[in-house]
Protein backbone atom coordinates (compact mmCIF):
# COMPACT_ATOMS: atom_id res chain seq x y z
CA UNK A 1 -35.21 17.42 30.72
CA UNK A 2 -35.51 16.44 27.14
CA UNK A 3 -32.93 14.17 25.54
CA UNK A 4 -31.86 16.93 23.15
CA UNK A 5 -31.17 19.30 26.03
CA UNK A 6 -29.10 16.63 27.79
CA UNK A 7 -27.10 16.01 24.62
CA UNK A 8 -26.47 19.73 24.18
CA UNK A 9 -25.37 20.10 27.80
CA UNK A 10 -23.07 17.11 27.45
CA UNK A 11 -21.55 18.59 24.28
CA UNK A 12 -21.03 21.92 26.00
CA UNK A 13 -19.38 20.24 28.99
CA UNK A 14 -17.09 18.32 26.61
CA UNK A 15 -16.25 21.56 24.85
CA UNK A 16 -15.42 23.20 28.17
CA UNK A 17 -13.12 20.30 29.05
CA UNK A 18 -11.37 20.68 25.70
CA UNK A 19 -10.95 24.41 26.19
CA UNK A 20 -9.49 23.85 29.66
CA UNK A 21 -7.19 21.05 28.49
CA UNK A 22 -5.91 23.09 25.53
CA UNK A 23 -4.49 25.70 27.88
CA UNK A 24 -7.00 28.40 27.00
CA UNK A 25 -8.56 28.46 30.45
CA UNK A 26 -12.28 29.05 30.38
CA UNK A 27 -11.60 30.73 27.05
CA UNK A 28 -13.87 31.46 24.20
CA UNK A 29 -14.83 29.64 21.07
CA UNK A 30 -15.43 31.89 18.08
CA UNK A 31 -17.75 30.57 15.38
CA UNK A 32 -18.73 32.98 12.63
CA UNK A 33 -19.32 36.07 14.72
CA UNK A 34 -20.45 34.39 17.93
CA UNK A 35 -18.46 33.21 20.87
CA UNK A 36 -19.18 31.04 23.85
CA UNK A 37 -17.81 31.83 27.25
CA UNK A 38 -18.10 29.81 30.42
CA UNK A 39 -19.71 32.01 33.05
CA UNK A 40 -20.09 29.58 35.93
CA UNK A 41 -18.20 26.81 37.68
CA UNK A 42 -19.16 23.20 38.14
CA UNK A 43 -18.76 22.23 41.73
CA UNK A 44 -18.46 18.71 43.05
CA UNK A 45 -20.29 19.63 46.27
CA UNK A 46 -23.42 21.04 44.64
CA UNK A 47 -23.28 19.13 41.36
CA UNK A 48 -24.31 22.27 39.48
CA UNK A 49 -23.79 22.36 35.76
CA UNK A 50 -21.74 25.24 34.35
CA UNK A 51 -23.72 27.97 32.66
CA UNK A 52 -22.94 29.19 29.17
CA UNK A 53 -23.58 32.48 27.48
CA UNK A 54 -23.42 33.44 23.82
CA UNK A 55 -22.01 36.87 23.08
CA UNK A 56 -20.28 38.77 20.33
CA UNK A 57 -16.53 38.15 19.92
CA UNK A 58 -13.99 40.44 21.53
CA UNK A 59 -11.21 39.39 19.18
CA UNK A 60 -9.95 41.10 16.05
CA UNK A 61 -10.78 38.11 13.84
CA UNK A 62 -12.69 38.87 10.64
CA UNK A 63 -16.36 37.97 10.69
CA UNK A 64 -15.99 34.89 8.43
CA UNK A 65 -13.07 33.28 10.33
CA UNK A 66 -13.92 30.06 12.10
CA UNK A 67 -11.85 28.55 14.88
CA UNK A 68 -12.54 24.84 15.37
CA UNK A 69 -13.22 23.50 18.83
CA UNK A 70 -11.04 20.47 18.22
CA UNK A 71 -8.72 19.33 15.44
CA UNK A 72 -10.79 17.96 12.62
CA UNK A 73 -14.09 19.30 13.94
CA UNK A 74 -14.75 21.53 10.94
CA UNK A 75 -13.32 20.71 7.50
CA UNK A 76 -13.57 22.34 4.14
CA UNK A 77 -14.83 20.29 1.20
CA UNK A 78 -11.27 20.15 -0.14
CA UNK A 79 -9.99 18.75 3.17
CA UNK A 80 -12.79 16.19 3.20
CA UNK A 81 -11.96 15.15 -0.37
CA UNK A 82 -8.25 14.90 0.47
CA UNK A 83 -9.04 12.81 3.56
CA UNK A 84 -11.30 10.52 1.51
CA UNK A 85 -8.57 10.15 -1.12
CA UNK A 86 -5.97 9.42 1.56
CA UNK A 87 -8.22 6.80 3.18
CA UNK A 88 -8.94 5.22 -0.22
CA UNK A 89 -5.23 5.07 -1.08
CA UNK A 90 -4.47 3.54 2.32
CA UNK A 91 -7.24 0.97 1.85
CA UNK A 92 -5.98 0.12 -1.64
CA UNK A 93 -2.42 -0.21 -0.36
CA UNK A 94 -3.52 -2.54 2.44
CA UNK A 95 -5.58 -4.53 -0.04
CA UNK A 96 -2.59 -4.87 -2.40
CA UNK A 97 -0.43 -6.08 0.50
CA UNK A 98 -3.10 -8.56 1.59
CA UNK A 99 -3.50 -9.84 -1.99
CA UNK A 100 0.29 -10.20 -2.32
CA UNK A 101 0.41 -12.19 0.94
CA UNK A 102 -2.52 -14.33 -0.21
CA UNK A 103 -0.74 -15.14 -3.49
CA UNK A 104 2.46 -15.98 -1.58
CA UNK A 105 0.57 -18.37 0.74
CA UNK A 106 -1.19 -19.95 -2.24
CA UNK A 107 2.15 -20.56 -3.99
CA UNK A 108 3.54 -22.08 -0.80
CA UNK A 109 0.46 -24.31 -0.48
CA UNK A 110 0.79 -25.42 -4.12
CA UNK A 111 4.48 -26.24 -3.57
CA UNK A 112 3.53 -28.34 -0.55
CA UNK A 113 0.88 -30.15 -2.60
CA UNK A 114 3.33 -30.76 -5.46
CA UNK A 115 5.88 -32.09 -3.00
CA UNK A 116 3.25 -34.38 -1.48
CA UNK A 117 2.26 -35.61 -4.97
CA UNK A 118 5.92 -36.40 -5.76
CA UNK A 119 6.32 -38.34 -2.51
CA UNK A 120 3.09 -40.25 -3.13
CA UNK A 121 4.09 -41.05 -6.73
CA UNK A 122 7.41 -42.49 -5.53
CA UNK A 123 5.62 -44.47 -2.82
CA UNK A 124 3.06 -45.69 -5.36
CA UNK A 125 5.83 -46.79 -7.73
CA UNK A 126 7.57 -48.71 -4.92
CA UNK A 127 4.28 -50.41 -4.00
CA UNK A 128 3.67 -51.37 -7.63
CA UNK A 129 7.19 -52.87 -7.84
CA UNK A 130 6.65 -54.69 -4.55
CA UNK A 131 3.32 -56.04 -5.81
CA UNK A 132 4.99 -57.31 -9.02
CA UNK A 133 7.70 -58.98 -6.94
CA UNK A 134 5.12 -60.66 -4.70
CA UNK A 135 3.12 -61.79 -7.76
CA UNK A 136 6.28 -63.33 -9.23
CA UNK A 137 7.03 -65.10 -5.95
CA UNK A 138 3.44 -66.41 -5.69
CA UNK A 139 3.36 -67.58 -9.32
CA UNK A 140 6.74 -69.32 -8.98
CA UNK A 141 5.54 -71.19 -5.84
CA UNK A 142 2.33 -72.19 -7.58
CA UNK A 143 4.31 -73.84 -10.38
């Protein structure tokens, strides 16, 4: 079997599973004037694949009506644009939150550095005073 045929069979089997799980039974999928009905059963003993048959719809749906096989399978250009806009807004919102958190961490880091500088300046001043004291002691002993 060709790879394309295997992919198509896999897609059809997935579609059948969806139809069965959605409570429609073997059901039909109407797509612009055509429908697909499952006409055979897959058996565990024989390992046979189900057979599929295309036929005209038996529903009262207008010719142009499309029923999607799964939610989000077929979208109009407007829905696609809205979804893209929603995703972009979500991405921008997450980016704003991440930038805000980054600025907060940076401010915290700067505060820590400033605190460390203050401590080191005090320590440096004490060491300078101690050095002056020791110099005075050494110079007084030398005299």
